Structures are given as structure tokens and as C-alpha cells.
PDB file of N, CA and C in Angstrom:
ATOM      1  N   LEU A   1       0.844  -1.212  -0.050  1.00  0.00           N
ATOM      2  CA  LEU A   1      -0.019   0.319  -0.208  1.00  0.00           C
ATOM      3  C   LEU A   1       0.745   1.403  -0.168  1.00  0.00           C
ATOM      4  N   PRO A   2       0.699   1.975  -0.512  1.00  0.00           N
ATOM      5  CA  PRO A   2       0.922   3.614  -0.495  1.00  0.00           C
ATOM      6  C   PRO A   2       1.324   4.026   0.628  1.00  0.00           C
ATOM      7  N   ALA A   3       2.148   5.063   1.259  1.00  0.00           N
ATOM      8  CA  ALA A   3       2.752   5.203   2.559  1.00  0.00           C
ATOM      9  C   ALA A   3       1.399   6.178   2.979  1.00  0.00           C
ATOM     10  N   ALA A   4       0.585   6.939   2.161  1.00  0.00           N
ATOM     11  CA  ALA A   4      -0.316   7.632   2.604  1.00  0.00           C
ATOM     12  C   ALA A   4      -1.766   7.704   1.728  1.00  0.00           C
ATOM     13  N   PRO A   5      -2.921   7.871   2.172  1.00  0.00           N
ATOM     14  CA  PRO A   5      -4.048   7.518   1.310  1.00  0.00           C
ATOM     15  C   PRO A   5      -3.944   8.915   0.065  1.00  0.00           C
ATOM     16  N   LEU A   6      -4.718   8.353  -1.020  1.00  0.00           N
ATOM     17  CA  LEU A   6      -4.982   9.341  -1.858  1.00  0.00           C
ATOM     18  C   LEU A   6      -6.378   9.719  -1.829  1.00  0.00           C
ATOM     19  N   LYS A   7      -6.619  10.633  -1.105  1.00  0.00           N
ATOM     20  CA  LYS A   7      -8.189  10.789  -1.157  1.00  0.00           C
ATOM     21  C   LYS A   7      -8.891  11.379  -2.333  1.00  0.00           C
ATOM     22  N   CYS A   8     -10.139  10.744  -2.762  1.00  0.00           N
ATOM     23  CA  CYS A   8     -10.763  11.800  -3.840  1.00  0.00           C
ATOM     24  C   CYS A   8     -12.205  11.611  -3.525  1.00  0.00           C
ATOM     25  N   GLU A   9     -12.994  12.386  -4.408  1.00  0.00           N
ATOM     26  CA  GLU A   9     -14.582  12.674  -4.316  1.00  0.00           C
ATOM     27  C   GLU A   9     -14.950  10.929  -4.581  1.00  0.00           C
ATOM     28  N   ARG A  10     -15.882  10.733  -4.232  1.00  0.00           N
ATOM     29  CA  ARG A  10     -16.833   9.324  -4.265  1.00  0.00           C
ATOM     30  C   ARG A  10     -17.263   9.427  -5.803  1.00  0.00           C
ATOM     31  N   GLY A  11     -17.467   8.165  -6.421  1.00  0.00           N
ATOM     32  CA  GLY A  11     -17.752   7.759  -7.570  1.00  0.00           C
ATOM     33  C   GLY A  11     -16.546   7.351  -8.315  1.00  0.00           C
ATOM     34  N   PRO A  12     -16.718   7.485  -9.907  1.00  0.00           N
ATOM     35  CA  PRO A  12     -15.774   6.713 -10.608  1.00  0.00           C
ATOM     36  C   PRO A  12     -14.680   6.601 -10.760  1.00  0.00           C
ATOM     37  N   SER A  13     -14.180   7.598  -9.532  1.00  0.00           N
ATOM     38  CA  SER A  13     -12.575   7.642  -9.686  1.00  0.00           C
ATOM     39  C   SER A  13     -11.792   7.064  -8.408  1.00  0.00           C
ATOM     40  N   ARG A  14     -12.718   6.192  -7.612  1.00  0.00           N
ATOM     41  CA  ARG A  14     -12.757   5.063  -6.875  1.00  0.00           C
ATOM     42  C   ARG A  14     -12.761   3.549  -7.358  1.00  0.00           C
ATOM     43  N   ALA A  15     -12.130   3.503  -8.173  1.00  0.00           N
ATOM     44  CA  ALA A  15     -12.004   2.017  -8.484  1.00  0.00           C
ATOM     45  C   ALA A  15     -10.849   1.412  -7.989  1.00  0.00           C
ATOM     46  N   ILE A  16      -9.929   0.081  -8.218  1.00  0.00           N
ATOM     47  CA  ILE A  16      -9.385  -0.761  -7.571  1.00  0.00           C
ATOM     48  C   ILE A  16      -8.910  -1.585  -8.741  1.00  0.00           C
ATOM     49  N   THR A  17      -7.511  -1.728  -9.059  1.00  0.00           N
ATOM     50  CA  THR A  17      -7.169  -3.181  -9.836  1.00  0.00           C
ATOM     51  C   THR A  17      -7.378  -4.298  -9.732  1.00  0.00           C
ATOM     52  N   VAL A  18      -7.610  -4.989 -10.806  1.00  0.00           N
ATOM     53  CA  VAL A  18      -7.456  -6.365 -10.573  1.00  0.00           C
ATOM     54  C   VAL A  18      -5.997  -6.876  -9.840  1.00  0.00           C
ATOM     55  N   GLN A  19      -5.054  -6.176  -9.639  1.00  0.00           N
ATOM     56  CA  GLN A  19      -3.793  -6.461  -9.277  1.00  0.00           C
ATOM     57  C   GLN A  19      -4.212  -6.055  -7.877  1.00  0.00           C
ATOM     58  N   GLN A  20      -4.517  -5.172  -7.415  1.00  0.00           N
ATOM     59  CA  GLN A  20      -4.956  -4.633  -5.941  1.00  0.00           C
ATOM     60  C   GLN A  20      -5.959  -5.660  -5.514  1.00  0.00           C
ATOM     61  N   LEU A  21      -6.899  -5.974  -6.282  1.00  0.00           N
ATOM     62  CA  LEU A  21      -7.671  -7.161  -5.383  1.00  0.00           C
ATOM     63  C   LEU A  21      -6.873  -8.181  -4.790  1.00  0.00           C
ATOM     64  N   LEU A  22      -6.111  -8.779  -5.936  1.00  0.00           N
ATOM     65  CA  LEU A  22      -5.120 -10.120  -5.866  1.00  0.00           C
ATOM     66  C   LEU A  22      -3.954  -9.688  -4.681  1.00  0.00           C
ATOM     67  N   ALA A  23      -3.627  -8.600  -4.513  1.00  0.00           N
ATOM     68  CA  ALA A  23      -2.751  -8.074  -3.404  1.00  0.00           C
ATOM     69  C   ALA A  23      -3.463  -8.350  -2.218  1.00  0.00           C
ATOM     70  N   LEU A  24      -4.462  -8.138  -2.231  1.00  0.00           N
ATOM     71  CA  LEU A  24      -5.182  -7.990  -0.843  1.00  0.00           C
ATOM     72  C   LEU A  24      -5.797  -9.447  -0.688  1.00  0.00           C
ATOM     73  N   LEU A  25      -5.929 -10.227  -1.435  1.00  0.00           N
ATOM     74  CA  LEU A  25      -6.310 -11.352  -1.279  1.00  0.00           C
ATOM     75  C   LEU A  25      -5.278 -12.329  -0.872  1.00  0.00           C
ATOM     76  N   ASN A  26      -3.844 -11.886  -1.385  1.00  0.00           N
ATOM     77  CA  ASN A  26      -2.872 -12.695  -0.973  1.00  0.00           C
ATOM     78  C   ASN A  26      -2.152 -12.406   0.395  1.00  0.00           C
ATOM     79  N   ALA A  27      -2.409 -11.127   0.611  1.00  0.00           N
ATOM     80  CA  ALA A  27      -1.839 -10.698   1.821  1.00  0.00           C
ATOM     81  C   ALA A  27      -2.570 -11.185   2.917  1.00  0.00           C
ATOM     82  N   PHE A  28      -3.952 -11.454   2.823  1.00  0.00           N
ATOM     83  CA  PHE A  28      -4.783 -11.872   3.796  1.00  0.00           C
ATOM     84  C   PHE A  28      -5.401 -13.341   3.543  1.00  0.00           C
ATOM     85  N   GLU A  29      -4.560 -13.729   2.940  1.00  0.00           N
ATOM     86  CA  GLU A  29      -5.313 -15.350   2.522  1.00  0.00           C
ATOM     87  C   GLU A  29      -5.717 -16.058   3.481  1.00  0.00           C
ATOM     88  N   HIS A  30      -4.710 -16.080   4.444  1.00  0.00           N
ATOM     89  CA  HIS A  30      -4.961 -17.013   5.604  1.00  0.00           C
ATOM     90  C   HIS A  30      -5.784 -16.788   6.374  1.00  0.00           C
ATOM     91  N   HIS A  31      -6.031 -15.507   6.442  1.00  0.00           N
ATOM     92  CA  HIS A  31      -7.301 -15.046   7.493  1.00  0.00           C
ATOM     93  C   HIS A  31      -8.553 -15.191   6.574  1.00  0.00           C
ATOM     94  N   ILE A  32      -8.370 -14.996   5.203  1.00  0.00           N
ATOM     95  CA  ILE A  32      -9.983 -15.018   4.420  1.00  0.00           C
ATOM     96  C   ILE A  32     -10.525 -16.325   4.159  1.00  0.00           C
ATOM     97  N   ARG A  33      -9.496 -17.257   3.769  1.00  0.00           N
ATOM     98  CA  ARG A  33     -10.030 -18.532   3.223  1.00  0.00           C
ATOM     99  C   ARG A  33     -10.921 -18.473   2.194  1.00  0.00           C
ATOM    100  N   SER A  34     -12.393 -19.302   2.692  1.00  0.00           N
ATOM    101  CA  SER A  34     -13.473 -18.972   2.209  1.00  0.00           C
ATOM    102  C   SER A  34     -14.521 -18.095   2.524  1.00  0.00           C
ATOM    103  N   ARG A  35     -13.732 -17.118   3.193  1.00  0.00           N
ATOM    104  CA  ARG A  35     -14.796 -16.358   3.875  1.00  0.00           C
ATOM    105  C   ARG A  35     -15.640 -15.255   2.549  1.00  0.00           C
ATOM    106  N   ASN A  36     -16.457 -14.546   2.775  1.00  0.00           N
ATOM    107  CA  ASN A  36     -17.206 -13.969   2.124  1.00  0.00           C
ATOM    108  C   ASN A  36     -17.066 -11.950   2.396  1.00  0.00           C
ATOM    109  N   MET A  37     -17.686 -11.362   1.479  1.00  0.00           N
ATOM    110  CA  MET A  37     -17.151  -9.706   1.625  1.00  0.00           C
ATOM    111  C   MET A  37     -18.213  -9.334   2.853  1.00  0.00           C
ATOM    112  N   TYR A  38     -19.071  -9.888   3.411  1.00  0.00           N
ATOM    113  CA  TYR A  38     -19.321  -9.176   5.032  1.00  0.00           C
ATOM    114  C   TYR A  38     -18.019  -9.469   5.904  1.00  0.00           C
ATOM    115  N   TYR A  39     -17.251 -10.664   5.613  1.00  0.00           N
ATOM    116  CA  TYR A  39     -16.255 -10.739   6.328  1.00  0.00           C
ATOM    117  C   TYR A  39     -15.024  -9.884   6.045  1.00  0.00           C
ATOM    118  N   MET A  40     -14.802  -9.682   4.561  1.00  0.00           N
ATOM    119  CA  MET A  40     -14.064  -8.661   4.202  1.00  0.00           C
ATOM    120  C   MET A  40     -14.096  -7.043   4.658  1.00  0.00           C
ATOM    121  N   SER A  41     -15.213  -6.543   4.669  1.00  0.00           N
ATOM    122  CA  SER A  41     -15.368  -5.405   5.152  1.00  0.00           C
ATOM    123  C   SER A  41     -15.019  -5.228   6.349  1.00  0.00           C
ATOM    124  N   GLU A  42     -15.919  -6.041   7.600  1.00  0.00           N
ATOM    125  CA  GLU A  42     -15.603  -5.832   8.862  1.00  0.00           C
ATOM    126  C   GLU A  42     -14.195  -6.294   9.198  1.00  0.00           C
ATOM    127  N   ASN A  43     -13.737  -7.190   8.801  1.00  0.00           N
ATOM    128  CA  ASN A  43     -12.093  -7.634   9.420  1.00  0.00           C
ATOM    129  C   ASN A  43     -10.934  -7.116   8.828  1.00  0.00           C
ATOM    130  N   ILE A  44     -11.271  -7.052   7.433  1.00  0.00           N
ATOM    131  CA  ILE A  44     -10.062  -6.526   6.566  1.00  0.00           C
ATOM    132  C   ILE A  44     -10.086  -4.819   6.212  1.00  0.00           C
ATOM    133  N   VAL A  45     -10.984  -4.804   5.540  1.00  0.00           N
ATOM    134  CA  VAL A  45     -11.280  -3.432   5.034  1.00  0.00           C
ATOM    135  C   VAL A  45     -11.346  -2.291   6.189  1.00  0.00           C
ATOM    136  N   LYS A  46     -12.230  -2.557   7.080  1.00  0.00           N
ATOM    137  CA  LYS A  46     -12.428  -1.347   8.081  1.00  0.00           C
ATOM    138  C   LYS A  46     -11.253  -1.322   8.962  1.00  0.00           C
ATOM    139  N   PRO A  47     -10.453  -2.280   9.490  1.00  0.00           N
ATOM    140  CA  PRO A  47      -9.409  -2.188   9.975  1.00  0.00           C
ATOM    141  C   PRO A  47      -8.122  -1.516   9.769  1.00  0.00           C
ATOM    142  N   LEU A  48      -8.095  -1.714   8.328  1.00  0.00           N
ATOM    143  CA  LEU A  48      -7.157  -1.240   7.679  1.00  0.00           C
ATOM    144  C   LEU A  48      -7.463   0.332   7.214  1.00  0.00           C
ATOM    145  N   THR A  49      -8.565   0.693   6.874  1.00  0.00           N
ATOM    146  CA  THR A  49      -9.098   1.822   6.707  1.00  0.00           C
ATOM    147  C   THR A  49      -9.074   2.867   7.906  1.00  0.00           C
ATOM    148  N   LYS A  50      -9.321   2.302   9.250  1.00  0.00           N
ATOM    149  CA  LYS A  50      -9.415   2.936  10.187  1.00  0.00           C
ATOM    150  C   LYS A  50      -8.736   4.055  10.406  1.00  0.00           C
ATOM    151  N   PRO A  51      -7.282   4.227  10.575  1.00  0.00           N
ATOM    152  CA  PRO A  51      -6.331   5.277  10.943  1.00  0.00           C
ATOM    153  C   PRO A  51      -6.817   6.282   9.979  1.00  0.00           C
ATOM    154  N   HIS A  52      -6.956   6.153   9.061  1.00  0.00           N
ATOM    155  CA  HIS A  52      -7.470   7.673   7.790  1.00  0.00           C
ATOM    156  C   HIS A  52      -8.901   7.630   7.597  1.00  0.00           C
ATOM    157  N   ARG A  53      -9.867   6.763   8.002  1.00  0.00           N
ATOM    158  CA  ARG A  53     -11.390   6.721   7.653  1.00  0.00           C
ATOM    159  C   ARG A  53     -11.330   6.791   6.195  1.00  0.00           C
ATOM    160  N   VAL A  54     -10.891   6.230   5.555  1.00  0.00           N
ATOM    161  CA  VAL A  54     -11.213   6.485   4.117  1.00  0.00           C
ATOM    162  C   VAL A  54     -11.675   5.142   3.481  1.00  0.00           C
ATOM    163  N   SER A  55     -11.785   5.017   2.136  1.00  0.00           N
ATOM    164  CA  SER A  55     -12.399   3.718   1.348  1.00  0.00           C
ATOM    165  C   SER A  55     -10.951   3.050   1.249  1.00  0.00           C
ATOM    166  N   TYR A  56     -11.047   1.947   0.989  1.00  0.00           N
ATOM    167  CA  TYR A  56     -10.301   0.790   0.652  1.00  0.00           C
ATOM    168  C   TYR A  56      -9.416   1.315  -0.702  1.00  0.00           C
ATOM    169  N   ALA A  57      -9.945   1.855  -1.441  1.00  0.00           N
ATOM    170  CA  ALA A  57      -9.670   2.369  -2.769  1.00  0.00           C
ATOM    171  C   ALA A  57      -8.656   3.453  -2.739  1.00  0.00           C
ATOM    172  N   GLU A  58      -9.200   4.366  -1.722  1.00  0.00           N
ATOM    173  CA  GLU A  58      -8.387   5.575  -1.435  1.00  0.00           C
ATOM    174  C   GLU A  58      -6.958   5.073  -0.711  1.00  0.00           C
ATOM    175  N   LEU A  59      -7.180   4.040   0.228  1.00  0.00           N
ATOM    176  CA  LEU A  59      -5.714   3.666   0.533  1.00  0.00           C
ATOM    177  C   LEU A  59      -4.884   2.829  -0.355  1.00  0.00           C
ATOM    178  N   ALA A  60      -5.171   1.928  -1.127  1.00  0.00           N
ATOM    179  CA  ALA A  60      -4.751   1.238  -1.989  1.00  0.00           C
ATOM    180  C   ALA A  60      -4.070   2.101  -3.281  1.00  0.00           C
ATOM    181  N   GLY A  61      -4.768   3.271  -3.705  1.00  0.00           N
ATOM    182  CA  GLY A  61      -4.609   3.841  -4.845  1.00  0.00           C
ATOM    183  C   GLY A  61      -5.414   3.866  -5.673  1.00  0.00           C
ATOM    184  N   PRO A  62      -6.370   4.849  -5.813  1.00  0.00           N
ATOM    185  CA  PRO A  62      -7.515   4.916  -6.606  1.00  0.00           C
ATOM    186  C   PRO A  62      -7.271   5.042  -7.937  1.00  0.00           C
ATOM    187  N   GLN A  63      -8.298   4.092  -8.930  1.00  0.00           N
ATOM    188  CA  GLN A  63      -8.139   4.308 -10.294  1.00  0.00           C
ATOM    189  C   GLN A  63      -9.385   4.936 -10.660  1.00  0.00           C
ATOM    190  N   ALA A  64      -9.333   5.347 -11.791  1.00  0.00           N
ATOM    191  CA  ALA A  64     -10.547   5.762 -12.664  1.00  0.00           C
ATOM    192  C   ALA A  64     -11.058   4.473 -13.316  1.00  0.00           C
ATOM    193  N   LEU A  65     -12.663   4.175 -12.982  1.00  0.00           N
ATOM    194  CA  LEU A  65     -13.310   2.860 -13.412  1.00  0.00           C
ATOM    195  C   LEU A  65     -13.276   2.768 -14.689  1.00  0.00           C
ATOM    196  N   THR A  66     -13.151   1.306 -15.052  1.00  0.00           N
ATOM    197  CA  THR A  66     -13.418   0.797 -16.294  1.00  0.00           C
ATOM    198  C   THR A  66     -14.817  -0.089 -16.356  1.00  0.00           C
ATOM    199  N   TRP A  67     -14.660  -0.681 -15.072  1.00  0.00           N
ATOM    200  CA  TRP A  67     -16.034  -1.569 -14.900  1.00  0.00           C
ATOM    201  C   TRP A  67     -16.806  -1.070 -13.503  1.00  0.00           C
ATOM    202  N   PHE A  68     -18.192  -1.421 -13.772  1.00  0.00           N
ATOM    203  CA  PHE A  68     -18.630  -1.477 -12.293  1.00  0.00           C
ATOM    204  C   PHE A  68     -19.034  -2.547 -11.766  1.00  0.00           C
ATOM    205  N   VAL A  69     -19.113  -3.334 -10.499  1.00  0.00           N
ATOM    206  CA  VAL A  69     -19.332  -4.882 -10.620  1.00  0.00           C
ATOM    207  C   VAL A  69     -20.597  -4.453  -9.349  1.00  0.00           C
ATOM    208  N   SER A  70     -21.683  -5.514  -9.475  1.00  0.00           N
ATOM    209  CA  SER A  70     -22.982  -5.220  -8.879  1.00  0.00           C
ATOM    210  C   SER A  70     -22.770  -7.082  -8.184  1.00  0.00           C
ATOM    211  N   HIS A  71     -22.788  -7.275  -7.325  1.00  0.00           N
ATOM    212  CA  HIS A  71     -22.367  -8.653  -6.697  1.00  0.00           C
ATOM    213  C   HIS A  71     -23.371  -8.816  -5.378  1.00  0.00           C
ATOM    214  N   PHE A  72     -23.080 -10.231  -5.135  1.00  0.00           N
ATOM    215  CA  PHE A  72     -23.546 -10.867  -3.563  1.00  0.00           C
ATOM    216  C   PHE A  72     -22.630 -11.070  -3.022  1.00  0.00           C
ATOM    217  N   TRP A  73     -22.460 -10.291  -1.553  1.00  0.00           N
ATOM    218  CA  TRP A  73     -21.919 -10.053  -0.638  1.00  0.00           C
ATOM    219  C   TRP A  73     -21.511 -11.789   0.153  1.00  0.00           C
ATOM    220  N   GLY A  74     -22.457 -12.523  -0.011  1.00  0.00           N
ATOM    221  CA  GLY A  74     -22.358 -14.140   0.517  1.00  0.00           C
ATOM    222  C   GLY A  74     -21.416 -14.889  -0.168  1.00  0.00           C
ATOM    223  N   HIS A  75     -21.120 -14.543  -1.454  1.00  0.00           N
ATOM    224  CA  HIS A  75     -20.339 -15.424  -2.018  1.00  0.00           C
ATOM    225  C   HIS A  75     -18.695 -15.182  -1.717  1.00  0.00           C
ATOM    226  N   SER A  76     -17.951 -16.388  -1.682  1.00  0.00           N
ATOM    227  CA  SER A  76     -16.793 -16.415  -1.232  1.00  0.00           C
ATOM    228  C   SER A  76     -15.878 -15.370  -1.916  1.00  0.00           C
ATOM    229  N   PHE A  77     -15.133 -14.627  -1.123  1.00  0.00           N
ATOM    230  CA  PHE A  77     -14.381 -13.310  -1.846  1.00  0.00           C
ATOM    231  C   PHE A  77     -13.183 -13.951  -2.577  1.00  0.00           C
ATOM    232  N   ARG A  78     -12.475 -14.799  -2.403  1.00  0.00           N
ATOM    233  CA  ARG A  78     -11.744 -15.733  -3.385  1.00  0.00           C
ATOM    234  C   ARG A  78     -12.494 -16.013  -4.480  1.00  0.00           C
ATOM    235  N   GLN A  79     -13.337 -16.219  -5.007  1.00  0.00           N
ATOM    236  CA  GLN A  79     -14.306 -16.840  -5.833  1.00  0.00           C
ATOM    237  C   GLN A  79     -14.746 -15.557  -6.945  1.00  0.00           C
ATOM    238  N   PHE A  80     -14.850 -14.349  -6.127  1.00  0.00           N
ATOM    239  CA  PHE A  80     -15.032 -13.100  -6.389  1.00  0.00           C
ATOM    240  C   PHE A  80     -13.932 -12.674  -7.506  1.00  0.00           C
ATOM    241  N   VAL A  81     -12.838 -12.820  -6.508  1.00  0.00           N
ATOM    242  CA  VAL A  81     -11.613 -12.230  -7.079  1.00  0.00           C
ATOM    243  C   VAL A  81     -11.319 -13.021  -8.394  1.00  0.00           C
ATOM    244  N   GLN A  82     -11.729 -14.199  -8.195  1.00  0.00           N
ATOM    245  CA  GLN A  82     -11.422 -15.265  -9.370  1.00  0.00           C
ATOM    246  C   GLN A  82     -12.114 -15.045 -10.551  1.00  0.00           C
ATOM    247  N   ALA A  83     -13.378 -14.404 -10.519  1.00  0.00           N
ATOM    248  CA  ALA A  83     -14.287 -13.912 -11.590  1.00  0.00           C
ATOM    249  C   ALA A  83     -13.856 -12.614 -12.317  1.00  0.00           C
ATOM    250  N   ILE A  84     -13.379 -11.979 -11.364  1.00  0.00           N
ATOM    251  CA  ILE A  84     -12.991 -10.580 -11.884  1.00  0.00           C
ATOM    252  C   ILE A  84     -12.043 -10.623 -12.784  1.00  0.00           C
ATOM    253  N   GLN A  85     -11.004 -11.571 -12.487  1.00  0.00           N
ATOM    254  CA  GLN A  85      -9.644 -12.072 -12.967  1.00  0.00           C
ATOM    255  C   GLN A  85     -10.241 -12.602 -14.393  1.00  0.00           C
ATOM    256  N   ARG A  86     -10.739 -13.479 -14.232  1.00  0.00           N
ATOM    257  CA  ARG A  86     -11.238 -14.177 -15.849  1.00  0.00           C
ATOM    258  C   ARG A  86     -11.993 -13.143 -16.273  1.00  0.00           C
ATOM    259  N   HIS A  87     -12.889 -12.109 -15.987  1.00  0.00           N
ATOM    260  CA  HIS A  87     -13.566 -10.951 -16.681  1.00  0.00           C
ATOM    261  C   HIS A  87     -12.394 -10.111 -17.430  1.00  0.00           C
ATOM    262  N   ALA A  88     -11.439  -9.872 -16.478  1.00  0.00           N
ATOM    263  CA  ALA A  88     -10.374  -8.773 -16.983  1.00  0.00           C
ATOM    264  C   ALA A  88      -9.352  -9.282 -18.066  1.00  0.00           C
ATOM    265  N   SER A  89      -9.393 -10.615 -17.995  1.00  0.00           N
ATOM    266  CA  SER A  89      -8.496 -11.470 -18.936  1.00  0.00           C
ATOM    267  C   SER A  89      -9.220 -11.476 -20.076  1.00  0.00           C
ATOM    268  N   SER A  90     -10.634 -11.901 -20.093  1.00  0.00           N
ATOM    269  CA  SER A  90     -11.141 -12.014 -21.301  1.00  0.00           C
ATOM    270  C   SER A  90     -11.410 -10.476 -22.097  1.00  0.00           C
ATOM    271  N   GLU A  91     -11.292  -9.582 -21.392  1.00  0.00           N
ATOM    272  CA  GLU A  91     -11.833  -8.184 -21.911  1.00  0.00           C
ATOM    273  C   GLU A  91     -10.374  -7.806 -22.414  1.00  0.00           C
ATOM    274  N   SER A  92      -9.162  -7.729 -21.801  1.00  0.00           N
ATOM    275  CA  SER A  92      -7.936  -7.236 -21.915  1.00  0.00           C
ATOM    276  C   SER A  92      -7.201  -7.966 -22.395  1.00  0.00           C
ATOM    277  N   GLY A  93      -6.997  -9.040 -22.100  1.00  0.00           N
ATOM    278  CA  GLY A  93      -5.741  -9.999 -22.471  1.00  0.00           C
ATOM    279  C   GLY A  93      -4.505  -9.825 -21.559  1.00  0.00           C
ATOM    280  N   GLU A  94      -3.477  -9.719 -21.877  1.00  0.00           N
ATOM    281  CA  GLU A  94      -2.345  -9.393 -21.468  1.00  0.00           C
ATOM    282  C   GLU A  94      -2.223  -8.197 -20.428  1.00  0.00           C
ATOM    283  N   ARG A  95      -3.201  -7.388 -20.489  1.00  0.00           N
ATOM    284  CA  ARG A  95      -3.439  -5.684 -19.696  1.00  0.00           C
ATOM    285  C   ARG A  95      -4.512  -6.482 -18.678  1.00  0.00           C
ATOM    286  N   TRP A  96      -4.632  -7.207 -18.249  1.00  0.00           N
ATOM    287  CA  TRP A  96      -5.858  -7.652 -17.407  1.00  0.00           C
ATOM    288  C   TRP A  96      -5.483  -7.113 -16.247  1.00  0.00           C
ATOM    289  N   ALA A  97      -4.788  -7.307 -15.488  1.00  0.00           N
ATOM    290  CA  ALA A  97      -4.192  -6.895 -14.276  1.00  0.00           C
ATOM    291  C   ALA A  97      -4.312  -5.263 -14.036  1.00  0.00           C
ATOM    292  N   SER A  98      -4.531  -4.757 -15.077  1.00  0.00           N
ATOM    293  CA  SER A  98      -4.556  -3.249 -14.897  1.00  0.00           C
ATOM    294  C   SER A  98      -6.011  -2.714 -14.862  1.00  0.00           C
ATOM    295  N   GLU A  99      -6.729  -3.375 -15.023  1.00  0.00           N
ATOM    296  CA  GLU A  99      -8.300  -2.891 -15.309  1.00  0.00           C
ATOM    297  C   GLU A  99      -8.726  -2.763 -14.095  1.00  0.00           C
ATOM    298  N   ALA A 100      -9.390  -1.708 -14.116  1.00  0.00           N
ATOM    299  CA  ALA A 100     -10.094  -0.902 -13.008  1.00  0.00           C
ATOM    300  C   ALA A 100     -11.753  -1.246 -12.620  1.00  0.00           C
ATOM    301  N   TYR A 101     -12.135  -1.972 -11.627  1.00  0.00           N
ATOM    302  CA  TYR A 101     -13.492  -2.014 -11.349  1.00  0.00           C
ATOM    303  C   TYR A 101     -13.744  -1.300  -9.835  1.00  0.00           C
ATOM    304  N   TRP A 102     -14.914  -0.632  -9.999  1.00  0.00           N
ATOM    305  CA  TRP A 102     -15.761  -0.143  -8.953  1.00  0.00           C
ATOM    306  C   TRP A 102     -16.669  -0.964  -8.145  1.00  0.00           C
ATOM    307  N   VAL A 103     -15.987  -1.654  -6.673  1.00  0.00           N
ATOM    308  CA  VAL A 103     -16.793  -2.403  -6.034  1.00  0.00           C
ATOM    309  C   VAL A 103     -17.026  -1.732  -4.928  1.00  0.00           C
ATOM    310  N   CYS A 104     -18.462  -1.929  -4.377  1.00  0.00           N
ATOM    311  CA  CYS A 104     -18.720  -1.115  -3.467  1.00  0.00           C
ATOM    312  C   CYS A 104     -17.908  -1.051  -2.110  1.00  0.00           C
ATOM    313  N   THR A 105     -17.637  -2.496  -1.545  1.00  0.00           N
ATOM    314  CA  THR A 105     -16.969  -2.788  -0.479  1.00  0.00           C
ATOM    315  C   THR A 105     -15.455  -1.861  -0.340  1.00  0.00           C
ATOM    316  N   PHE A 106     -15.102  -1.970  -1.425  1.00  0.00           N
ATOM    317  CA  PHE A 106     -13.660  -1.144  -1.632  1.00  0.00           C
ATOM    318  C   PHE A 106     -13.502   0.122  -1.905  1.00  0.00           C
ATOM    319  N   SER A 107     -14.754   0.552  -2.698  1.00  0.00           N
ATOM    320  CA  SER A 107     -14.924   2.150  -3.545  1.00  0.00           C
ATOM    321  C   SER A 107     -15.858   2.791  -2.612  1.00  0.00           C
ATOM    322  N   ASN A 108     -16.415   2.388  -1.878  1.00  0.00           N
ATOM    323  CA  ASN A 108     -17.149   3.238  -0.844  1.00  0.00           C
ATOM    324  C   ASN A 108     -16.281   3.729   0.304  1.00  0.00           C
ATOM    325  N   ASN A 109     -16.741   4.606   1.103  1.00  0.00           N
ATOM    326  CA  ASN A 109     -15.993   4.981   2.438  1.00  0.00           C
ATOM    327  C   ASN A 109     -16.749   3.728   3.151  1.00  0.00           C
ATOM    328  N   GLN A 110     -16.383   2.837   4.143  1.00  0.00           N
ATOM    329  CA  GLN A 110     -17.199   1.882   5.013  1.00  0.00           C
ATOM    330  C   GLN A 110     -17.526   2.763   6.278  1.00  0.00           C
ATOM    331  N   TRP A 111     -16.787   4.022   6.436  1.00  0.00           N
ATOM    332  CA  TRP A 111     -16.739   4.554   8.196  1.00  0.00           C
ATOM    333  C   TRP A 111     -17.972   5.667   7.353  1.00  0.00           C
ATOM    334  N   GLN A 112     -18.503   5.803   5.797  1.00  0.00           N
ATOM    335  CA  GLN A 112     -19.371   6.892   5.995  1.00  0.00           C
ATOM    336  C   GLN A 112     -20.451   6.456   4.936  1.00  0.00           C
ATOM    337  N   VAL A 113     -20.771   5.349   4.963  1.00  0.00           N
ATOM    338  CA  VAL A 113     -21.710   4.522   4.197  1.00  0.00           C
ATOM    339  C   VAL A 113     -22.777   5.647   3.906  1.00  0.00           C
ATOM    340  N   GLU A 114     -23.671   6.062   4.968  1.00  0.00           N
ATOM    341  CA  GLU A 114     -24.553   6.850   4.748  1.00  0.00           C
ATOM    342  C   GLU A 114     -24.681   7.837   3.799  1.00  0.00           C
ATOM    343  N   GLU A 115     -23.551   8.611   4.288  1.00  0.00           N
ATOM    344  CA  GLU A 115     -23.232   9.835   3.489  1.00  0.00           C
ATOM    345  C   GLU A 115     -22.818   9.585   1.739  1.00  0.00           C
ATOM    346  N   GLU A 116     -22.445   8.350   1.668  1.00  0.00           N
ATOM    347  CA  GLU A 116     -21.806   7.858   0.408  1.00  0.00           C
ATOM    348  C   GLU A 116     -22.999   7.277  -0.527  1.00  0.00           C
ATOM    349  N   VAL A 117     -23.714   6.399   0.135  1.00  0.00           N
ATOM    350  CA  VAL A 117     -25.122   5.933  -0.768  1.00  0.00           C
ATOM    351  C   VAL A 117     -26.052   6.483  -0.385  1.00  0.00           C
ATOM    352  N   GLY A 118     -26.667   7.148   0.556  1.00  0.00           N
ATOM    353  CA  GLY A 118     -27.803   7.819   1.217  1.00  0.00           C
ATOM    354  C   GLY A 118     -28.429   6.723   2.307  1.00  0.00           C
ATOM    355  N   ASN A 119     -29.551   7.143   2.623  1.00  0.00           N
ATOM    356  CA  ASN A 119     -30.279   6.290   3.857  1.00  0.00           C
ATOM    357  C   ASN A 119     -31.560   6.199   3.267  1.00  0.00           C
TER     358      ASN A 119
END
């Protein structure tokens, strides 16, 4: 992760790359196992972002989105990342790792969800 978060406005500039998703999965693989996005949000994303109270995308280095993802939080995070990786590979070939996806868990500031999406 960068030394300091890069804060940006909510919206399409807060995407993360497949490479950033894979790095997150690999860094916490032992803890994540087959757990889902509910686990990721509360046990990985929120503790990592707590010091700065920013979105994970801002912490990891936000990117301009290429793709918007809508998904069920109950699926395995590992399977989610694998599906994103397959999609990126099919769309961008060798450049798959740099494809940027807007994913609510990582793109929304989990410390300010009501402000981010409304109530």
C-alpha cells in the first residue's frame, strides 16, 4: 500500500485494479480462506482504513473505473476475485491486471456509508 491514502471524491475515480484485489487476497489469504465480503468489510477493510477513515480504494491508490461490479456479498471473496480476474483477462488480454473495477466494499468509504450512498 502507498505510504498515505490518496483521498478523492466518491464515484468513478474510486475503482481498484485486479492487481490490487489480488494483492489484498494474497496478503490476507490465511485469514480470508473461503469467507465472504461481509467478513472482508468488517475484518479486513475497516481495520485497514480505520486510521485514515477512507475507502480501501483511496488507501490502495484509487483508479478511474473501467467496470462497475454488482454482486452478492455472501459469495466467497476468493471466488469473487477469480471471477473478476477471468473477466479482466477475457476483456483485456495481457493487460488484465490493470483493469479497474468499482466495487462497493472497496470504493465506498465504509466509515461513511450513509453519506456515500444515502439512507
